[in-house]
PDB file of N, CA and C in Angstrom:
ATOM      1  N   MET A   1      85.476 101.668  89.764  1.00  0.00           N
ATOM      2  CA  MET A   1      84.977 101.651  88.416  1.00  0.00           C
ATOM      3  C   MET A   1      86.094 101.190  87.483  1.00  0.00           C
ATOM      4  N   ALA A   2      85.789 100.315  86.592  1.00  0.00           N
ATOM      5  CA  ALA A   2      86.786  99.746  85.679  1.00  0.00           C
ATOM      6  C   ALA A   2      87.113 100.714  84.549  1.00  0.00           C
ATOM      7  N   ILE A   3      88.342 100.649  84.075  1.00  0.00           N
ATOM      8  CA  ILE A   3      88.763 101.415  82.910  1.00  0.00           C
ATOM      9  C   ILE A   3      88.861 100.442  81.750  1.00  0.00           C
ATOM     10  N   TYR A   4      88.145 100.736  80.696  1.00  0.00           N
ATOM     11  CA  TYR A   4      88.103  99.852  79.543  1.00  0.00           C
ATOM     12  C   TYR A   4      89.019 100.356  78.435  1.00  0.00           C
ATOM     13  N   LYS A   5      89.284  99.505  77.472  1.00  0.00           N
ATOM     14  CA  LYS A   5      90.179  99.817  76.359  1.00  0.00           C
ATOM     15  C   LYS A   5      89.727 101.073  75.611  1.00  0.00           C
ATOM     16  N   ASN A   6      88.445 101.243  75.433  1.00  0.00           N
ATOM     17  CA  ASN A   6      87.927 102.391  74.698  1.00  0.00           C
ATOM     18  C   ASN A   6      87.965 103.688  75.498  1.00  0.00           C
ATOM     19  N   ASP A   7      88.263 103.605  76.804  1.00  0.00           N
ATOM     20  CA  ASP A   7      88.304 104.793  77.649  1.00  0.00           C
ATOM     21  C   ASP A   7      89.612 105.563  77.516  1.00  0.00           C
ATOM     22  N   VAL A   8      90.662 104.920  76.999  1.00  0.00           N
ATOM     23  CA  VAL A   8      91.973 105.557  76.903  1.00  0.00           C
ATOM     24  C   VAL A   8      92.357 105.701  75.433  1.00  0.00           C
ATOM     25  N   LYS A   9      92.795 106.886  75.063  1.00  0.00           N
ATOM     26  CA  LYS A   9      93.205 107.154  73.686  1.00  0.00           C
ATOM     27  C   LYS A   9      94.635 107.697  73.698  1.00  0.00           C
ATOM     28  N   LEU A  10      95.466 107.271  72.735  1.00  0.00           N
ATOM     29  CA  LEU A  10      96.830 107.776  72.600  1.00  0.00           C
ATOM     30  C   LEU A  10      96.890 108.760  71.445  1.00  0.00           C
ATOM     31  N   PHE A  11      97.632 109.859  71.653  1.00  0.00           N
ATOM     32  CA  PHE A  11      97.797 110.883  70.633  1.00  0.00           C
ATOM     33  C   PHE A  11      99.271 111.150  70.413  1.00  0.00           C
ATOM     34  N   GLU A  12      99.618 111.536  69.184  1.00  0.00           N
ATOM     35  CA  GLU A  12     101.003 111.871  68.855  1.00  0.00           C
ATOM     36  C   GLU A  12     101.385 113.197  69.492  1.00  0.00           C
ATOM     37  N   SER A  13     102.673 113.349  69.735  1.00  0.00           N
ATOM     38  CA  SER A  13     103.196 114.647  70.140  1.00  0.00           C
ATOM     39  C   SER A  13     103.477 115.460  68.878  1.00  0.00           C
ATOM     40  N   GLN A  14     103.853 116.730  69.048  1.00  0.00           N
ATOM     41  CA  GLN A  14     104.071 117.607  67.896  1.00  0.00           C
ATOM     42  C   GLN A  14     105.201 117.134  66.995  1.00  0.00           C
ATOM     43  N   ARG A  15     106.269 116.615  67.577  1.00  0.00           N
ATOM     44  CA  ARG A  15     107.438 116.208  66.791  1.00  0.00           C
ATOM     45  C   ARG A  15     107.805 114.759  67.108  1.00  0.00           C
ATOM     46  N   LEU A  16     107.753 113.915  66.094  1.00  0.00           N
ATOM     47  CA  LEU A  16     108.146 112.511  66.242  1.00  0.00           C
ATOM     48  C   LEU A  16     109.449 112.303  65.489  1.00  0.00           C
ATOM     49  N   SER A  17     110.564 112.506  66.185  1.00  0.00           N
ATOM     50  CA  SER A  17     111.872 112.354  65.555  1.00  0.00           C
ATOM     51  C   SER A  17     112.881 111.946  66.620  1.00  0.00           C
ATOM     52  N   ASP A  18     114.129 111.773  66.201  1.00  0.00           N
ATOM     53  CA  ASP A  18     115.197 111.413  67.136  1.00  0.00           C
ATOM     54  C   ASP A  18     116.074 112.612  67.474  1.00  0.00           C
ATOM     55  N   LYS A  19     115.548 113.807  67.363  1.00  0.00           N
ATOM     56  CA  LYS A  19     116.322 115.009  67.653  1.00  0.00           C
ATOM     57  C   LYS A  19     116.146 115.421  69.107  1.00  0.00           C
ATOM     58  N   GLU A  20     116.975 116.363  69.567  1.00  0.00           N
ATOM     59  CA  GLU A  20     116.920 116.793  70.960  1.00  0.00           C
ATOM     60  C   GLU A  20     115.601 117.450  71.328  1.00  0.00           C
ATOM     61  N   ASN A  21     114.970 118.136  70.382  1.00  0.00           N
ATOM     62  CA  ASN A  21     113.720 118.828  70.681  1.00  0.00           C
ATOM     63  C   ASN A  21     112.490 117.979  70.380  1.00  0.00           C
ATOM     64  N   ASP A  22     112.658 116.684  70.357  1.00  0.00           N
ATOM     65  CA  ASP A  22     111.543 115.770  70.094  1.00  0.00           C
ATOM     66  C   ASP A  22     110.483 115.923  71.176  1.00  0.00           C
ATOM     67  N   GLY A  23     109.265 115.657  70.831  1.00  0.00           N
ATOM     68  CA  GLY A  23     108.178 115.725  71.803  1.00  0.00           C
ATOM     69  C   GLY A  23     107.262 116.886  71.514  1.00  0.00           C
ATOM     70  N   GLY A  24     106.993 117.687  72.510  1.00  0.00           N
ATOM     71  CA  GLY A  24     106.096 118.819  72.351  1.00  0.00           C
ATOM     72  C   GLY A  24     104.733 118.523  72.949  1.00  0.00           C
ATOM     73  N   ARG A  25     103.791 119.347  72.570  1.00  0.00           N
ATOM     74  CA  ARG A  25     102.432 119.234  73.108  1.00  0.00           C
ATOM     75  C   ARG A  25     101.631 118.146  72.396  1.00  0.00           C
ATOM     76  N   ILE A  26     100.506 117.840  72.988  1.00  0.00           N
ATOM     77  CA  ILE A  26      99.603 116.852  72.411  1.00  0.00           C
ATOM     78  C   ILE A  26      98.966 117.422  71.139  1.00  0.00           C
ATOM     79  N   THR A  27      98.766 116.554  70.162  1.00  0.00           N
ATOM     80  CA  THR A  27      98.084 116.945  68.928  1.00  0.00           C
ATOM     81  C   THR A  27      96.755 116.208  68.855  1.00  0.00           C
ATOM     82  N   GLY A  28      95.998 116.456  67.839  1.00  0.00           N
ATOM     83  CA  GLY A  28      94.734 115.759  67.646  1.00  0.00           C
ATOM     84  C   GLY A  28      94.874 114.485  66.830  1.00  0.00           C
ATOM     85  N   ARG A  29      96.128 114.137  66.461  1.00  0.00           N
ATOM     86  CA  ARG A  29      96.360 112.936  65.649  1.00  0.00           C
ATOM     87  C   ARG A  29      96.414 111.700  66.543  1.00  0.00           C
ATOM     88  N   LYS A  30      95.446 110.823  66.388  1.00  0.00           N
ATOM     89  CA  LYS A  30      95.382 109.617  67.211  1.00  0.00           C
ATOM     90  C   LYS A  30      96.401 108.583  66.751  1.00  0.00           C
ATOM     91  N   VAL A  31      96.924 107.824  67.689  1.00  0.00           N
ATOM     92  CA  VAL A  31      97.769 106.671  67.391  1.00  0.00           C
ATOM     93  C   VAL A  31      96.822 105.479  67.265  1.00  0.00           C
ATOM     94  N   ILE A  32      96.687 104.975  66.067  1.00  0.00           N
ATOM     95  CA  ILE A  32      95.740 103.891  65.783  1.00  0.00           C
ATOM     96  C   ILE A  32      96.402 102.554  66.091  1.00  0.00           C
ATOM     97  N   ASP A  33      95.754 101.753  66.908  1.00  0.00           N
ATOM     98  CA  ASP A  33      96.277 100.453  67.298  1.00  0.00           C
ATOM     99  C   ASP A  33      96.335  99.529  66.088  1.00  0.00           C
ATOM    100  N   GLY A  34      97.448  98.858  65.927  1.00  0.00           N
ATOM    101  CA  GLY A  34      97.602  97.880  64.858  1.00  0.00           C
ATOM    102  C   GLY A  34      98.203  98.433  63.578  1.00  0.00           C
ATOM    103  N   ASN A  35      98.325  99.754  63.438  1.00  0.00           N
ATOM    104  CA  ASN A  35      98.952 100.331  62.246  1.00  0.00           C
ATOM    105  C   ASN A  35     100.470 100.217  62.350  1.00  0.00           C
ATOM    106  N   VAL A  36     101.103  99.837  61.265  1.00  0.00           N
ATOM    107  CA  VAL A  36     102.553  99.701  61.228  1.00  0.00           C
ATOM    108  C   VAL A  36     103.184 101.089  61.186  1.00  0.00           C
ATOM    109  N   ASN A  37     104.262 101.270  61.930  1.00  0.00           N
ATOM    110  CA  ASN A  37     105.023 102.523  61.973  1.00  0.00           C
ATOM    111  C   ASN A  37     104.199 103.721  62.434  1.00  0.00           C
ATOM    112  N   ASN A  38     103.338 103.516  63.412  1.00  0.00           N
ATOM    113  CA  ASN A  38     102.592 104.630  63.993  1.00  0.00           C
ATOM    114  C   ASN A  38     103.512 105.661  64.612  1.00  0.00           C
ATOM    115  N   LEU A  39     104.394 105.211  65.464  1.00  0.00           N
ATOM    116  CA  LEU A  39     105.296 106.118  66.183  1.00  0.00           C
ATOM    117  C   LEU A  39     106.744 105.973  65.754  1.00  0.00           C
ATOM    118  N   PHE A  40     107.130 104.806  65.316  1.00  0.00           N
ATOM    119  CA  PHE A  40     108.531 104.528  65.015  1.00  0.00           C
ATOM    120  C   PHE A  40     108.714 104.195  63.538  1.00  0.00           C
ATOM    121  N   GLN A  41     109.861 104.584  62.983  1.00  0.00           N
ATOM    122  CA  GLN A  41     110.234 104.211  61.619  1.00  0.00           C
ATOM    123  C   GLN A  41     110.705 102.761  61.613  1.00  0.00           C
ATOM    124  N   ASP A  42     110.880 102.207  60.425  1.00  0.00           N
ATOM    125  CA  ASP A  42     111.435 100.857  60.321  1.00  0.00           C
ATOM    126  C   ASP A  42     112.828 100.817  60.946  1.00  0.00           C
ATOM    127  N   ILE A  43     113.182  99.685  61.532  1.00  0.00           N
ATOM    128  CA  ILE A  43     114.501  99.518  62.148  1.00  0.00           C
ATOM    129  C   ILE A  43     115.465  99.032  61.077  1.00  0.00           C
ATOM    130  N   SER A  44     116.553  99.774  60.890  1.00  0.00           N
ATOM    131  CA  SER A  44     117.532  99.379  59.881  1.00  0.00           C
ATOM    132  C   SER A  44     118.340  98.185  60.382  1.00  0.00           C
ATOM    133  N   ARG A  45     118.994  97.509  59.481  1.00  0.00           N
ATOM    134  CA  ARG A  45     119.815  96.354  59.844  1.00  0.00           C
ATOM    135  C   ARG A  45     120.961  96.780  60.762  1.00  0.00           C
ATOM    136  N   ILE A  46     121.556  97.936  60.479  1.00  0.00           N
ATOM    137  CA  ILE A  46     122.667  98.426  61.312  1.00  0.00           C
ATOM    138  C   ILE A  46     122.175  98.740  62.727  1.00  0.00           C
ATOM    139  N   ASP A  47     121.044  99.438  62.832  1.00  0.00           N
ATOM    140  CA  ASP A  47     120.499  99.764  64.152  1.00  0.00           C
ATOM    141  C   ASP A  47     120.147  98.505  64.933  1.00  0.00           C
ATOM    142  N   ARG A  48     119.632  97.515  64.253  1.00  0.00           N
ATOM    143  CA  ARG A  48     119.292  96.255  64.919  1.00  0.00           C
ATOM    144  C   ARG A  48     120.554  95.543  65.414  1.00  0.00           C
ATOM    145  N   THR A  49     121.640  95.620  64.631  1.00  0.00           N
ATOM    146  CA  THR A  49     122.884  94.946  64.987  1.00  0.00           C
ATOM    147  C   THR A  49     123.580  95.614  66.167  1.00  0.00           C
ATOM    148  N   VAL A  50     123.657  96.950  66.147  1.00  0.00           N
ATOM    149  CA  VAL A  50     124.386  97.657  67.206  1.00  0.00           C
ATOM    150  C   VAL A  50     123.507  97.978  68.405  1.00  0.00           C
ATOM    151  N   GLY A  51     122.197  97.790  68.286  1.00  0.00           N
ATOM    152  CA  GLY A  51     121.309  98.007  69.414  1.00  0.00           C
ATOM    153  C   GLY A  51     120.939  99.462  69.647  1.00  0.00           C
ATOM    154  N   ASP A  52     120.632 100.197  68.579  1.00  0.00           N
ATOM    155  CA  ASP A  52     120.232 101.597  68.694  1.00  0.00           C
ATOM    156  C   ASP A  52     118.886 101.703  69.424  1.00  0.00           C
ATOM    157  N   VAL A  53     118.718 102.780  70.183  1.00  0.00           N
ATOM    158  CA  VAL A  53     117.484 103.003  70.929  1.00  0.00           C
ATOM    159  C   VAL A  53     116.790 104.245  70.377  1.00  0.00           C
ATOM    160  N   ALA A  54     115.508 104.142  70.099  1.00  0.00           N
ATOM    161  CA  ALA A  54     114.708 105.282  69.652  1.00  0.00           C
ATOM    162  C   ALA A  54     113.568 105.481  70.643  1.00  0.00           C
ATOM    163  N   LEU A  55     113.370 106.718  71.069  1.00  0.00           N
ATOM    164  CA  LEU A  55     112.307 107.032  72.020  1.00  0.00           C
ATOM    165  C   LEU A  55     111.304 107.963  71.365  1.00  0.00           C
ATOM    166  N   ARG A  56     110.034 107.797  71.693  1.00  0.00           N
ATOM    167  CA  ARG A  56     108.975 108.667  71.197  1.00  0.00           C
ATOM    168  C   ARG A  56     108.076 109.048  72.360  1.00  0.00           C
ATOM    169  N   LYS A  57     107.495 110.220  72.251  1.00  0.00           N
ATOM    170  CA  LYS A  57     106.569 110.696  73.265  1.00  0.00           C
ATOM    171  C   LYS A  57     105.154 110.556  72.721  1.00  0.00           C
ATOM    172  N   ALA A  58     104.326 109.784  73.399  1.00  0.00           N
ATOM    173  CA  ALA A  58     102.908 109.668  73.068  1.00  0.00           C
ATOM    174  C   ALA A  58     102.132 110.089  74.305  1.00  0.00           C
ATOM    175  N   LEU A  59     101.075 110.810  74.101  1.00  0.00           N
ATOM    176  CA  LEU A  59     100.288 111.335  75.210  1.00  0.00           C
ATOM    177  C   LEU A  59      98.936 110.646  75.248  1.00  0.00           C
ATOM    178  N   SER A  60      98.435 110.435  76.437  1.00  0.00           N
ATOM    179  CA  SER A  60      97.152 109.743  76.558  1.00  0.00           C
ATOM    180  C   SER A  60      96.083 110.703  77.045  1.00  0.00           C
ATOM    181  N   GLU A  61      94.892 110.354  76.719  1.00  0.00           N
ATOM    182  CA  GLU A  61      93.738 111.118  77.165  1.00  0.00           C
ATOM    183  C   GLU A  61      92.660 110.114  77.509  1.00  0.00           C
ATOM    184  N   SER A  62      92.064 110.277  78.659  1.00  0.00           N
ATOM    185  CA  SER A  62      90.987 109.366  79.026  1.00  0.00           C
ATOM    186  C   SER A  62      89.652 110.068  78.853  1.00  0.00           C
ATOM    187  N   VAL A  63      88.649 109.296  78.536  1.00  0.00           N
ATOM    188  CA  VAL A  63      87.313 109.845  78.369  1.00  0.00           C
ATOM    189  C   VAL A  63      86.735 110.110  79.750  1.00  0.00           C
ATOM    190  N   PRO A  64      86.295 111.341  80.029  1.00  0.00           N
ATOM    191  CA  PRO A  64      85.714 111.614  81.348  1.00  0.00           C
ATOM    192  C   PRO A  64      84.475 110.766  81.594  1.00  0.00           C
ATOM    193  N   ILE A  65      84.317 110.305  82.810  1.00  0.00           N
ATOM    194  CA  ILE A  65      83.183 109.456  83.163  1.00  0.00           C
ATOM    195  C   ILE A  65      81.862 110.199  82.933  1.00  0.00           C
ATOM    196  N   MET A  66      81.829 111.497  83.228  1.00  0.00           N
ATOM    197  CA  MET A  66      80.611 112.274  83.035  1.00  0.00           C
ATOM    198  C   MET A  66      80.194 112.287  81.565  1.00  0.00           C
ATOM    199  N   ALA A  67      81.156 112.314  80.663  1.00  0.00           N
ATOM    200  CA  ALA A  67      80.833 112.330  79.227  1.00  0.00           C
ATOM    201  C   ALA A  67      80.177 111.007  78.822  1.00  0.00           C
ATOM    202  N   ILE A  68      80.548 109.933  79.480  1.00  0.00           N
ATOM    203  CA  ILE A  68      79.963 108.628  79.160  1.00  0.00           C
ATOM    204  C   ILE A  68      78.530 108.553  79.668  1.00  0.00           C
ATOM    205  N   LEU A  69      78.262 109.151  80.824  1.00  0.00           N
ATOM    206  CA  LEU A  69      76.952 109.054  81.436  1.00  0.00           C
ATOM    207  C   LEU A  69      75.930 109.960  80.774  1.00  0.00           C
ATOM    208  N   ILE A  70      76.371 111.007  80.111  1.00  0.00           N
ATOM    209  CA  ILE A  70      75.426 111.975  79.539  1.00  0.00           C
ATOM    210  C   ILE A  70      74.785 111.442  78.280  1.00  0.00           C
TER     211      ILE A  70
END
């Protein structure tokens, strides 16, 4: 059975930051495709020059097949 684009949804984690305790559990806030700065802040000129790395945790949820058939 094929998995379609609408079958998978991305959600934010509890904390979206560059701190050690970043991440956490899944929230109900969806990551909307095409929105600017959904997960990441703007990249500063200094960060772009020195090559800073920012990581974010996004969690996925798939729509159960049974829910589609009902």
